[in-house]
Amino acid sequence: MATTIYHNPACRTSRNVLGLIRNSGEAPVIVEYLKAPPPRAALADVIRRMGVPVRDVLPRTDTAYDALGLDNPGLTDDQLLDAMMQHPILINRPIVVAPLGAWLRRPSEIVLDSLAHPQRGACAKEDGGPVIDVAGQRILGGAAGQHIIGGAAA
């Protein structure tokens, strides 16, 4: 089973997660859900696999969330899924579906717990924050010579 990422290229976290997946040697299936939303049944299945309520996949900071009154606790999962299908920006990202399960991956480095393959070299977030050292190990501090996710090599 290939790793799939529900990806928004305009989202820094989503780009960072995609970079970490690629740094593990995987060529993920990329679903740019804003251009081509997944079928409703597929989205519902991914959320079911994540083991979270549908409401937990909605980004509460998006203006569409407030404009549509999605904070109403009386809305059913079906109504929330309908809103997500009509307004794909309401699908929080990035969602990663991997052989080990399905998750909403924020912050980006927690995707490392989802991947079947180890990291293949140094990697940092777009902001330069180090994530992986030259030996492919997760790090907490800075290191020189890291690949910048989504940017130019350092």
C-alpha atoms as a PDB file:
ATOM      1  CA  MET A   1       0.000   0.000   0.000  1.00  0.00           C
ATOM      2  CA  ALA A   2       1.416   3.374  -1.015  1.00  0.00           C
ATOM      3  CA  THR A   3       1.364   6.336   1.329  1.00  0.00           C
ATOM      4  CA  THR A   4      -1.226   8.959   0.378  1.00  0.00           C
ATOM      5  CA  ILE A   5      -1.173  12.585   1.450  1.00  0.00           C
ATOM      6  CA  TYR A   6      -4.213  14.860   1.251  1.00  0.00           C
ATOM      7  CA  HIS A   7      -2.166  17.897   0.366  1.00  0.00           C
ATOM      8  CA  ASN A   8      -2.572  21.641   0.034  1.00  0.00           C
ATOM      9  CA  PRO A   9       0.542  23.035  -1.684  1.00  0.00           C
ATOM     10  CA  ALA A  10      -0.201  26.477  -0.184  1.00  0.00           C
ATOM     11  CA  CYS A  11       0.132  25.073   3.360  1.00  0.00           C
ATOM     12  CA  ARG A  12       3.636  25.084   4.875  1.00  0.00           C
ATOM     13  CA  THR A  13       2.861  22.165   7.204  1.00  0.00           C
ATOM     14  CA  SER A  14       1.550  20.130   4.293  1.00  0.00           C
ATOM     15  CA  ARG A  15       4.690  20.884   2.249  1.00  0.00           C
ATOM     16  CA  ASN A  16       6.903  19.931   5.201  1.00  0.00           C
ATOM     17  CA  VAL A  17       5.068  16.626   5.682  1.00  0.00           C
ATOM     18  CA  LEU A  18       5.353  15.850   1.966  1.00  0.00           C
ATOM     19  CA  GLY A  19       9.092  16.575   2.147  1.00  0.00           C
ATOM     20  CA  LEU A  20       9.561  14.185   5.066  1.00  0.00           C
ATOM     21  CA  ILE A  21       7.624  11.459   3.263  1.00  0.00           C
ATOM     22  CA  ARG A  22       9.808  11.900   0.188  1.00  0.00           C
ATOM     23  CA  ASN A  23      12.964  11.976   2.360  1.00  0.00           C
ATOM     24  CA  SER A  24      12.064   8.446   3.466  1.00  0.00           C
ATOM     25  CA  GLY A  25      12.308   7.333  -0.158  1.00  0.00           C
ATOM     26  CA  GLU A  26       8.568   7.022  -0.674  1.00  0.00           C
ATOM     27  CA  ALA A  27       6.813   8.436  -3.707  1.00  0.00           C
ATOM     28  CA  PRO A  28       3.422   9.166  -2.150  1.00  0.00           C
ATOM     29  CA  VAL A  29       0.112   9.477  -3.906  1.00  0.00           C
ATOM     30  CA  ILE A  30      -0.674  13.189  -3.661  1.00  0.00           C
ATOM     31  CA  VAL A  31      -4.324  14.196  -3.475  1.00  0.00           C
ATOM     32  CA  GLU A  32      -4.604  17.946  -4.023  1.00  0.00           C
ATOM     33  CA  TYR A  33      -8.053  17.983  -2.496  1.00  0.00           C
ATOM     34  CA  LEU A  34      -8.712  21.659  -3.275  1.00  0.00           C
ATOM     35  CA  LYS A  35      -8.426  20.912  -7.013  1.00  0.00           C
ATOM     36  CA  ALA A  36     -10.077  17.490  -6.928  1.00  0.00           C
ATOM     37  CA  PRO A  37     -11.803  16.621  -3.643  1.00  0.00           C
ATOM     38  CA  PRO A  38     -11.946  12.924  -2.837  1.00  0.00           C
ATOM     39  CA  PRO A  39     -15.299  11.193  -3.209  1.00  0.00           C
ATOM     40  CA  ARG A  40     -17.439  11.631  -0.116  1.00  0.00           C
ATOM     41  CA  ALA A  41     -17.280   7.913   0.721  1.00  0.00           C
ATOM     42  CA  ALA A  42     -13.474   7.948   0.481  1.00  0.00           C
ATOM     43  CA  LEU A  43     -13.219  10.966   2.794  1.00  0.00           C
ATOM     44  CA  ALA A  44     -15.607   9.366   5.282  1.00  0.00           C
ATOM     45  CA  ASP A  45     -13.535   6.162   5.179  1.00  0.00           C
ATOM     46  CA  VAL A  46     -10.268   8.030   5.813  1.00  0.00           C
ATOM     47  CA  ILE A  47     -11.805   9.831   8.783  1.00  0.00           C
ATOM     48  CA  ARG A  48     -13.142   6.510  10.089  1.00  0.00           C
ATOM     49  CA  ARG A  49      -9.640   5.008   9.754  1.00  0.00           C
ATOM     50  CA  MET A  50      -8.220   7.973  11.656  1.00  0.00           C
ATOM     51  CA  GLY A  51     -10.506   7.058  14.559  1.00  0.00           C
ATOM     52  CA  VAL A  52     -11.576  10.634  15.202  1.00  0.00           C
ATOM     53  CA  PRO A  53     -14.924  12.408  15.014  1.00  0.00           C
ATOM     54  CA  VAL A  54     -15.596  14.173  11.697  1.00  0.00           C
ATOM     55  CA  ARG A  55     -15.630  17.476  13.599  1.00  0.00           C
ATOM     56  CA  ASP A  56     -11.958  16.947  14.545  1.00  0.00           C
ATOM     57  CA  VAL A  57     -10.952  17.131  10.872  1.00  0.00           C
ATOM     58  CA  LEU A  58     -12.427  20.617  10.421  1.00  0.00           C
ATOM     59  CA  PRO A  59      -9.975  23.527  10.717  1.00  0.00           C
ATOM     60  CA  ARG A  60     -11.712  25.831  13.163  1.00  0.00           C
ATOM     61  CA  THR A  61      -9.530  28.757  12.108  1.00  0.00           C
ATOM     62  CA  ASP A  62     -10.876  28.793   8.554  1.00  0.00           C
ATOM     63  CA  THR A  63     -13.347  31.600   7.873  1.00  0.00           C
ATOM     64  CA  ALA A  64     -15.692  29.142   6.127  1.00  0.00           C
ATOM     65  CA  TYR A  65     -16.039  27.280   9.439  1.00  0.00           C
ATOM     66  CA  ASP A  66     -17.532  30.342  11.110  1.00  0.00           C
ATOM     67  CA  ALA A  67     -19.471  31.535   8.057  1.00  0.00           C
ATOM     68  CA  LEU A  68     -21.238  28.175   7.758  1.00  0.00           C
ATOM     69  CA  GLY A  69     -21.965  27.909  11.477  1.00  0.00           C
ATOM     70  CA  LEU A  70     -20.071  24.643  11.784  1.00  0.00           C
ATOM     71  CA  ASP A  71     -19.494  25.232  15.486  1.00  0.00           C
ATOM     72  CA  ASN A  72     -23.132  24.194  16.002  1.00  0.00           C
ATOM     73  CA  PRO A  73     -22.918  21.015  18.133  1.00  0.00           C
ATOM     74  CA  GLY A  74     -26.234  19.837  16.677  1.00  0.00           C
ATOM     75  CA  LEU A  75     -24.753  19.223  13.227  1.00  0.00           C
ATOM     76  CA  THR A  76     -24.429  15.555  12.332  1.00  0.00           C
ATOM     77  CA  ASP A  77     -21.367  13.885  10.827  1.00  0.00           C
ATOM     78  CA  ASP A  78     -23.239  13.683   7.520  1.00  0.00           C
ATOM     79  CA  GLN A  79     -23.900  17.428   7.577  1.00  0.00           C
ATOM     80  CA  LEU A  80     -20.248  18.128   8.381  1.00  0.00           C
ATOM     81  CA  LEU A  81     -19.108  15.823   5.551  1.00  0.00           C
ATOM     82  CA  ASP A  82     -21.507  17.598   3.182  1.00  0.00           C
ATOM     83  CA  ALA A  83     -19.931  20.941   4.143  1.00  0.00           C
ATOM     84  CA  MET A  84     -16.458  19.519   3.551  1.00  0.00           C
ATOM     85  CA  MET A  85     -17.472  18.287   0.107  1.00  0.00           C
ATOM     86  CA  GLN A  86     -19.002  21.654  -0.829  1.00  0.00           C
ATOM     87  CA  HIS A  87     -16.040  23.596   0.634  1.00  0.00           C
ATOM     88  CA  PRO A  88     -12.897  21.418   0.406  1.00  0.00           C
ATOM     89  CA  ILE A  89     -10.880  24.087   2.251  1.00  0.00           C
ATOM     90  CA  LEU A  90     -12.656  22.656   5.313  1.00  0.00           C
ATOM     91  CA  ILE A  91     -10.663  19.415   5.018  1.00  0.00           C
ATOM     92  CA  ASN A  92      -7.866  19.969   7.502  1.00  0.00           C
ATOM     93  CA  ARG A  93      -4.429  19.065   6.249  1.00  0.00           C
ATOM     94  CA  PRO A  94      -2.286  17.284   5.830  1.00  0.00           C
ATOM     95  CA  ILE A  95      -3.953  13.926   6.238  1.00  0.00           C
ATOM     96  CA  VAL A  96      -1.586  11.020   5.681  1.00  0.00           C
ATOM     97  CA  VAL A  97      -2.794   7.508   4.933  1.00  0.00           C
ATOM     98  CA  ALA A  98       0.079   5.044   5.274  1.00  0.00           C
ATOM     99  CA  PRO A  99       0.476   1.297   5.756  1.00  0.00           C
ATOM    100  CA  LEU A 100       0.594   1.952   9.512  1.00  0.00           C
ATOM    101  CA  GLY A 101      -2.714   3.873   9.601  1.00  0.00           C
ATOM    102  CA  ALA A 102      -4.286   7.266   8.847  1.00  0.00           C
ATOM    103  CA  TRP A 103      -3.645  10.517  10.704  1.00  0.00           C
ATOM    104  CA  LEU A 104      -3.913  14.280  10.617  1.00  0.00           C
ATOM    105  CA  ARG A 105      -0.236  15.208  10.726  1.00  0.00           C
ATOM    106  CA  ARG A 106       0.372  18.409  12.684  1.00  0.00           C
ATOM    107  CA  PRO A 107       3.051  19.324  13.590  1.00  0.00           C
ATOM    108  CA  SER A 108       4.801  18.051  10.501  1.00  0.00           C
ATOM    109  CA  GLU A 109       7.501  15.980  12.201  1.00  0.00           C
ATOM    110  CA  ILE A 110       4.998  13.579  13.746  1.00  0.00           C
ATOM    111  CA  VAL A 111       4.637  12.059  10.277  1.00  0.00           C
ATOM    112  CA  LEU A 112       7.917  10.290  11.084  1.00  0.00           C
ATOM    113  CA  ASP A 113       5.941   7.949  13.342  1.00  0.00           C
ATOM    114  CA  SER A 114       3.742   6.952  10.378  1.00  0.00           C
ATOM    115  CA  LEU A 115       6.336   6.057   7.794  1.00  0.00           C
ATOM    116  CA  ALA A 116       7.360   2.496   7.020  1.00  0.00           C
ATOM    117  CA  HIS A 117      10.853   3.542   5.889  1.00  0.00           C
ATOM    118  CA  PRO A 118      13.537   5.532   7.744  1.00  0.00           C
ATOM    119  CA  GLN A 119      14.719   8.946   6.654  1.00  0.00           C
ATOM    120  CA  ARG A 120      17.542   8.857   4.110  1.00  0.00           C
ATOM    121  CA  GLY A 121      19.442  11.999   5.053  1.00  0.00           C
ATOM    122  CA  ALA A 122      19.349  15.427   6.606  1.00  0.00           C
ATOM    123  CA  CYS A 123      16.132  17.399   6.347  1.00  0.00           C
ATOM    124  CA  ALA A 124      14.752  20.645   7.781  1.00  0.00           C
ATOM    125  CA  LYS A 125      11.440  22.458   7.709  1.00  0.00           C
ATOM    126  CA  GLU A 126      10.987  25.322   5.254  1.00  0.00           C
ATOM    127  CA  ASP A 127      11.741  27.789   8.045  1.00  0.00           C
ATOM    128  CA  GLY A 128      15.117  26.106   8.517  1.00  0.00           C
ATOM    129  CA  GLY A 129      14.132  24.304  11.713  1.00  0.00           C
ATOM    130  CA  PRO A 130      16.083  21.023  11.739  1.00  0.00           C
ATOM    131  CA  VAL A 131      14.168  17.755  11.839  1.00  0.00           C
ATOM    132  CA  ILE A 132      16.548  15.037  10.588  1.00  0.00           C
ATOM    133  CA  ASP A 133      20.356  14.845  10.857  1.00  0.00           C
ATOM    134  CA  VAL A 134      22.758  13.603   8.161  1.00  0.00           C
ATOM    135  CA  ALA A 135      22.432  10.051   9.495  1.00  0.00           C
ATOM    136  CA  GLY A 136      18.642  10.171   9.001  1.00  0.00           C
ATOM    137  CA  GLN A 137      17.885  10.461  12.733  1.00  0.00           C
ATOM    138  CA  ARG A 138      15.359  12.836  14.302  1.00  0.00           C
ATOM    139  CA  ILE A 139      17.093  15.771  15.988  1.00  0.00           C
ATOM    140  CA  LEU A 140      16.187  18.572  18.356  1.00  0.00           C
ATOM    141  CA  GLY A 141      18.948  21.087  17.520  1.00  0.00           C
ATOM    142  CA  GLY A 142      20.426  22.622  14.375  1.00  0.00           C
ATOM    143  CA  ALA A 143      22.850  20.966  11.976  1.00  0.00           C
ATOM    144  CA  ALA A 144      24.629  22.229   8.893  1.00  0.00           C
ATOM    145  CA  GLY A 145      24.153  20.865   5.400  1.00  0.00           C
ATOM    146  CA  GLN A 146      20.485  19.969   5.686  1.00  0.00           C
ATOM    147  CA  HIS A 147      18.061  19.698   2.814  1.00  0.00           C
ATOM    148  CA  ILE A 148      15.351  22.327   3.261  1.00  0.00           C
ATOM    149  CA  ILE A 149      11.908  20.830   2.705  1.00  0.00           C
ATOM    150  CA  GLY A 150      10.204  22.587  -0.177  1.00  0.00           C
ATOM    151  CA  GLY A 151      13.148  24.945  -0.656  1.00  0.00           C
ATOM    152  CA  ALA A 152      16.708  25.008  -1.864  1.00  0.00           C
ATOM    153  CA  ALA A 153      19.365  22.681  -0.513  1.00  0.00           C
ATOM    154  CA  ALA A 154      21.486  24.291   2.200  1.00  0.00           C
END
